[in-house]
Amino acid sequence: MRFEVSFKALADPARRKILQLLKHGSMSAGEIASHFEMTQATVSYHLNVLKKADLICEERQKNFIYYSLNTSILEEIMAWLVDLKGNQDEEK
């Protein structure tokens, strides 16, 4: 697991907003960019960071690339956080 890369990617509010958008389904880069006041190049940079962190996946369909959440890495992060928290009732 490369949590350090994932957590670094999650540290940026724009990337967190992209993940929030993708929880509703796949979107193209243009659709994602329409929710921001930033250049297409900046959106592409954020998408690349999220891809390198394995937080999103891409799928080519004709002339477009659609991005979606990679739920498996999110599930790994959630499982690690739950384990980190532990059962506080047992500790008391």
N, C-alpha and C. Protein backbone atom coordinates (compact mmCIF):
# COMPACT_ATOMS: atom_id res chain seq x y z
N MET A 1 0.84 -1.19 0.00
CA MET A 1 0.00 0.00 0.00
C MET A 1 0.87 1.24 0.00
N ARG A 2 0.47 2.21 -0.76
CA ARG A 2 1.21 3.45 -0.85
C ARG A 2 0.37 4.57 -0.24
N PHE A 3 0.11 4.47 1.02
CA PHE A 3 -0.76 5.45 1.67
C PHE A 3 -0.18 6.86 1.65
N GLU A 4 1.15 6.97 1.71
CA GLU A 4 1.73 8.31 1.73
C GLU A 4 1.38 9.08 0.47
N VAL A 5 1.37 8.40 -0.68
CA VAL A 5 1.00 9.04 -1.95
C VAL A 5 -0.49 9.37 -1.94
N SER A 6 -1.30 8.45 -1.43
CA SER A 6 -2.74 8.69 -1.38
C SER A 6 -3.08 9.85 -0.46
N PHE A 7 -2.47 9.88 0.72
CA PHE A 7 -2.77 10.97 1.66
C PHE A 7 -2.29 12.31 1.13
N LYS A 8 -1.16 12.31 0.45
CA LYS A 8 -0.67 13.57 -0.15
C LYS A 8 -1.66 14.05 -1.21
N ALA A 9 -2.18 13.13 -2.00
CA ALA A 9 -3.16 13.50 -3.03
C ALA A 9 -4.44 14.03 -2.39
N LEU A 10 -4.83 13.44 -1.27
CA LEU A 10 -6.06 13.85 -0.59
C LEU A 10 -5.90 15.19 0.14
N ALA A 11 -4.68 15.66 0.31
CA ALA A 11 -4.45 16.90 1.06
C ALA A 11 -4.94 18.13 0.32
N ASP A 12 -5.10 18.04 -0.99
CA ASP A 12 -5.51 19.21 -1.78
C ASP A 12 -7.03 19.29 -1.89
N PRO A 13 -7.62 20.45 -1.57
CA PRO A 13 -9.09 20.57 -1.62
C PRO A 13 -9.67 20.37 -3.02
N ALA A 14 -8.95 20.77 -4.06
CA ALA A 14 -9.46 20.58 -5.43
C ALA A 14 -9.55 19.09 -5.76
N ARG A 15 -8.56 18.34 -5.33
CA ARG A 15 -8.59 16.89 -5.60
C ARG A 15 -9.68 16.21 -4.79
N ARG A 16 -9.91 16.67 -3.58
CA ARG A 16 -11.02 16.11 -2.80
C ARG A 16 -12.35 16.42 -3.47
N LYS A 17 -12.48 17.60 -4.06
CA LYS A 17 -13.72 17.95 -4.75
C LYS A 17 -13.90 17.07 -5.99
N ILE A 18 -12.81 16.79 -6.69
CA ILE A 18 -12.89 15.89 -7.85
C ILE A 18 -13.40 14.52 -7.41
N LEU A 19 -12.89 14.01 -6.30
CA LEU A 19 -13.36 12.72 -5.80
C LEU A 19 -14.84 12.77 -5.44
N GLN A 20 -15.27 13.89 -4.85
CA GLN A 20 -16.69 14.05 -4.52
C GLN A 20 -17.55 14.02 -5.78
N LEU A 21 -17.07 14.67 -6.85
CA LEU A 21 -17.81 14.66 -8.11
C LEU A 21 -17.90 13.25 -8.68
N LEU A 22 -16.79 12.50 -8.59
CA LEU A 22 -16.75 11.16 -9.18
C LEU A 22 -17.54 10.13 -8.39
N LYS A 23 -17.91 10.45 -7.16
CA LYS A 23 -18.71 9.47 -6.41
C LYS A 23 -20.09 9.28 -7.04
N HIS A 24 -20.48 10.21 -7.90
CA HIS A 24 -21.79 10.12 -8.57
C HIS A 24 -21.68 9.39 -9.92
N GLY A 25 -20.46 9.03 -10.31
CA GLY A 25 -20.28 8.29 -11.56
C GLY A 25 -19.12 8.85 -12.37
N SER A 26 -18.82 8.16 -13.45
CA SER A 26 -17.71 8.54 -14.32
C SER A 26 -17.95 9.88 -14.98
N MET A 27 -16.86 10.63 -15.19
CA MET A 27 -16.94 11.93 -15.86
C MET A 27 -15.71 12.11 -16.74
N SER A 28 -15.87 12.89 -17.80
CA SER A 28 -14.72 13.24 -18.64
C SER A 28 -13.98 14.40 -17.98
N ALA A 29 -12.77 14.66 -18.44
CA ALA A 29 -11.98 15.77 -17.89
C ALA A 29 -12.72 17.09 -18.10
N GLY A 30 -13.36 17.25 -19.24
CA GLY A 30 -14.10 18.48 -19.51
C GLY A 30 -15.27 18.66 -18.56
N GLU A 31 -15.97 17.58 -18.27
CA GLU A 31 -17.09 17.64 -17.31
C GLU A 31 -16.58 18.01 -15.92
N ILE A 32 -15.45 17.43 -15.54
CA ILE A 32 -14.86 17.75 -14.24
C ILE A 32 -14.43 19.21 -14.21
N ALA A 33 -13.76 19.66 -15.27
CA ALA A 33 -13.26 21.04 -15.33
C ALA A 33 -14.38 22.07 -15.25
N SER A 34 -15.57 21.72 -15.72
CA SER A 34 -16.68 22.67 -15.69
C SER A 34 -17.10 23.04 -14.27
N HIS A 35 -16.66 22.30 -13.29
CA HIS A 35 -16.99 22.57 -11.88
C HIS A 35 -15.94 23.43 -11.19
N PHE A 36 -14.92 23.85 -11.92
CA PHE A 36 -13.81 24.60 -11.34
C PHE A 36 -13.54 25.87 -12.12
N GLU A 37 -12.92 26.80 -11.46
CA GLU A 37 -12.43 28.01 -12.13
C GLU A 37 -10.92 27.89 -12.24
N MET A 38 -10.47 26.90 -13.00
CA MET A 38 -9.04 26.69 -13.25
C MET A 38 -8.88 26.19 -14.68
N THR A 39 -7.67 26.26 -15.17
CA THR A 39 -7.42 25.85 -16.55
C THR A 39 -7.56 24.34 -16.70
N GLN A 40 -7.77 23.92 -17.93
CA GLN A 40 -7.85 22.50 -18.24
C GLN A 40 -6.54 21.81 -17.86
N ALA A 41 -5.42 22.51 -18.07
CA ALA A 41 -4.12 21.94 -17.72
C ALA A 41 -4.00 21.68 -16.22
N THR A 42 -4.55 22.58 -15.41
CA THR A 42 -4.50 22.40 -13.96
C THR A 42 -5.37 21.22 -13.54
N VAL A 43 -6.54 21.11 -14.15
CA VAL A 43 -7.42 19.97 -13.86
C VAL A 43 -6.71 18.67 -14.25
N SER A 44 -6.06 18.67 -15.40
CA SER A 44 -5.32 17.48 -15.85
C SER A 44 -4.21 17.12 -14.87
N TYR A 45 -3.53 18.13 -14.33
CA TYR A 45 -2.50 17.89 -13.33
C TYR A 45 -3.10 17.19 -12.12
N HIS A 46 -4.23 17.70 -11.62
CA HIS A 46 -4.88 17.10 -10.45
C HIS A 46 -5.34 15.67 -10.75
N LEU A 47 -5.86 15.44 -11.95
CA LEU A 47 -6.28 14.09 -12.33
C LEU A 47 -5.08 13.14 -12.37
N ASN A 48 -3.94 13.62 -12.85
CA ASN A 48 -2.73 12.78 -12.88
C ASN A 48 -2.25 12.44 -11.48
N VAL A 49 -2.32 13.40 -10.57
CA VAL A 49 -1.93 13.12 -9.18
C VAL A 49 -2.84 12.06 -8.59
N LEU A 50 -4.13 12.18 -8.83
CA LEU A 50 -5.10 11.20 -8.31
C LEU A 50 -4.88 9.82 -8.94
N LYS A 51 -4.52 9.78 -10.23
CA LYS A 51 -4.23 8.50 -10.88
C LYS A 51 -2.98 7.86 -10.29
N LYS A 52 -1.93 8.64 -10.09
CA LYS A 52 -0.69 8.10 -9.53
C LYS A 52 -0.91 7.58 -8.11
N ALA A 53 -1.87 8.16 -7.40
CA ALA A 53 -2.20 7.70 -6.05
C ALA A 53 -3.19 6.54 -6.08
N ASP A 54 -3.58 6.09 -7.26
CA ASP A 54 -4.54 5.00 -7.45
C ASP A 54 -5.91 5.31 -6.88
N LEU A 55 -6.23 6.59 -6.74
CA LEU A 55 -7.55 6.97 -6.21
C LEU A 55 -8.61 7.03 -7.30
N ILE A 56 -8.16 7.17 -8.56
CA ILE A 56 -9.10 7.15 -9.68
C ILE A 56 -8.57 6.25 -10.78
N CYS A 57 -9.49 5.83 -11.64
CA CYS A 57 -9.17 5.02 -12.81
C CYS A 57 -9.62 5.78 -14.05
N GLU A 58 -9.04 5.44 -15.17
CA GLU A 58 -9.47 6.06 -16.42
C GLU A 58 -9.86 4.99 -17.43
N GLU A 59 -10.83 5.33 -18.27
CA GLU A 59 -11.29 4.42 -19.31
C GLU A 59 -11.50 5.23 -20.58
N ARG A 60 -10.89 4.78 -21.66
CA ARG A 60 -11.04 5.46 -22.95
C ARG A 60 -12.31 4.96 -23.65
N GLN A 61 -13.08 5.94 -24.14
CA GLN A 61 -14.26 5.63 -24.94
C GLN A 61 -14.25 6.57 -26.14
N LYS A 62 -13.91 6.03 -27.29
CA LYS A 62 -13.74 6.81 -28.52
C LYS A 62 -12.72 7.92 -28.30
N ASN A 63 -13.13 9.18 -28.41
CA ASN A 63 -12.19 10.30 -28.28
C ASN A 63 -12.12 10.87 -26.87
N PHE A 64 -12.75 10.23 -25.92
CA PHE A 64 -12.80 10.77 -24.56
C PHE A 64 -12.19 9.79 -23.57
N ILE A 65 -11.71 10.36 -22.47
CA ILE A 65 -11.26 9.57 -21.34
C ILE A 65 -12.20 9.87 -20.19
N TYR A 66 -12.74 8.82 -19.60
CA TYR A 66 -13.65 8.99 -18.46
C TYR A 66 -12.94 8.51 -17.19
N TYR A 67 -13.13 9.30 -16.15
CA TYR A 67 -12.50 9.03 -14.87
C TYR A 67 -13.54 8.54 -13.88
N SER A 68 -13.15 7.60 -13.03
CA SER A 68 -14.04 7.08 -12.00
C SER A 68 -13.22 6.78 -10.74
N LEU A 69 -13.92 6.66 -9.63
CA LEU A 69 -13.26 6.34 -8.37
C LEU A 69 -12.70 4.94 -8.40
N ASN A 70 -11.54 4.75 -7.80
CA ASN A 70 -10.98 3.42 -7.59
C ASN A 70 -11.37 3.04 -6.16
N THR A 71 -12.47 2.37 -6.02
CA THR A 71 -12.99 2.08 -4.69
C THR A 71 -12.12 1.11 -3.91
N SER A 72 -11.31 0.30 -4.60
CA SER A 72 -10.49 -0.66 -3.86
C SER A 72 -9.46 0.04 -2.98
N ILE A 73 -8.80 1.08 -3.48
CA ILE A 73 -7.82 1.79 -2.65
C ILE A 73 -8.53 2.55 -1.53
N LEU A 74 -9.70 3.08 -1.82
CA LEU A 74 -10.46 3.77 -0.78
C LEU A 74 -10.87 2.81 0.33
N GLU A 75 -11.24 1.59 -0.05
CA GLU A 75 -11.60 0.57 0.95
C GLU A 75 -10.38 0.19 1.79
N GLU A 76 -9.19 0.11 1.16
CA GLU A 76 -7.97 -0.20 1.91
C GLU A 76 -7.67 0.91 2.92
N ILE A 77 -7.82 2.16 2.51
CA ILE A 77 -7.58 3.28 3.41
C ILE A 77 -8.57 3.26 4.57
N MET A 78 -9.83 3.02 4.26
CA MET A 78 -10.85 2.97 5.31
C MET A 78 -10.57 1.83 6.29
N ALA A 79 -10.19 0.68 5.78
CA ALA A 79 -9.89 -0.46 6.66
C ALA A 79 -8.70 -0.14 7.56
N TRP A 80 -7.69 0.52 7.02
CA TRP A 80 -6.53 0.89 7.81
C TRP A 80 -6.92 1.89 8.90
N LEU A 81 -7.77 2.87 8.55
CA LEU A 81 -8.20 3.86 9.53
C LEU A 81 -9.03 3.22 10.64
N VAL A 82 -9.91 2.30 10.28
CA VAL A 82 -10.72 1.60 11.29
C VAL A 82 -9.81 0.79 12.20
N ASP A 83 -8.83 0.11 11.62
CA ASP A 83 -7.90 -0.67 12.43
C ASP A 83 -7.06 0.23 13.33
N LEU A 84 -6.67 1.38 12.81
CA LEU A 84 -5.89 2.33 13.60
C LEU A 84 -6.69 2.82 14.80
N LYS A 85 -7.97 3.09 14.56
CA LYS A 85 -8.82 3.54 15.66
C LYS A 85 -8.98 2.44 16.70
N GLY A 86 -9.09 1.22 16.23
CA GLY A 86 -9.24 0.08 17.14
C GLY A 86 -10.57 0.13 17.86
N ASN A 87 -10.74 -0.80 18.76
CA ASN A 87 -11.94 -0.84 19.56
C ASN A 87 -11.65 -0.16 20.89
N GLN A 88 -12.10 1.06 21.01
CA GLN A 88 -11.79 1.84 22.20
C GLN A 88 -12.44 1.29 23.45
N ASP A 89 -13.52 0.54 23.31
CA ASP A 89 -14.18 -0.07 24.48
C ASP A 89 -13.28 -1.11 25.14
N GLU A 90 -12.49 -1.85 24.31
CA GLU A 90 -11.60 -2.87 24.84
C GLU A 90 -10.43 -2.26 25.60
N GLU A 91 -10.05 -1.02 25.23
CA GLU A 91 -8.88 -0.37 25.84
C GLU A 91 -9.21 0.18 27.22
N LYS A 92 -10.46 0.39 27.52
CA LYS A 92 -10.85 1.01 28.80
C LYS A 92 -10.89 0.01 29.93
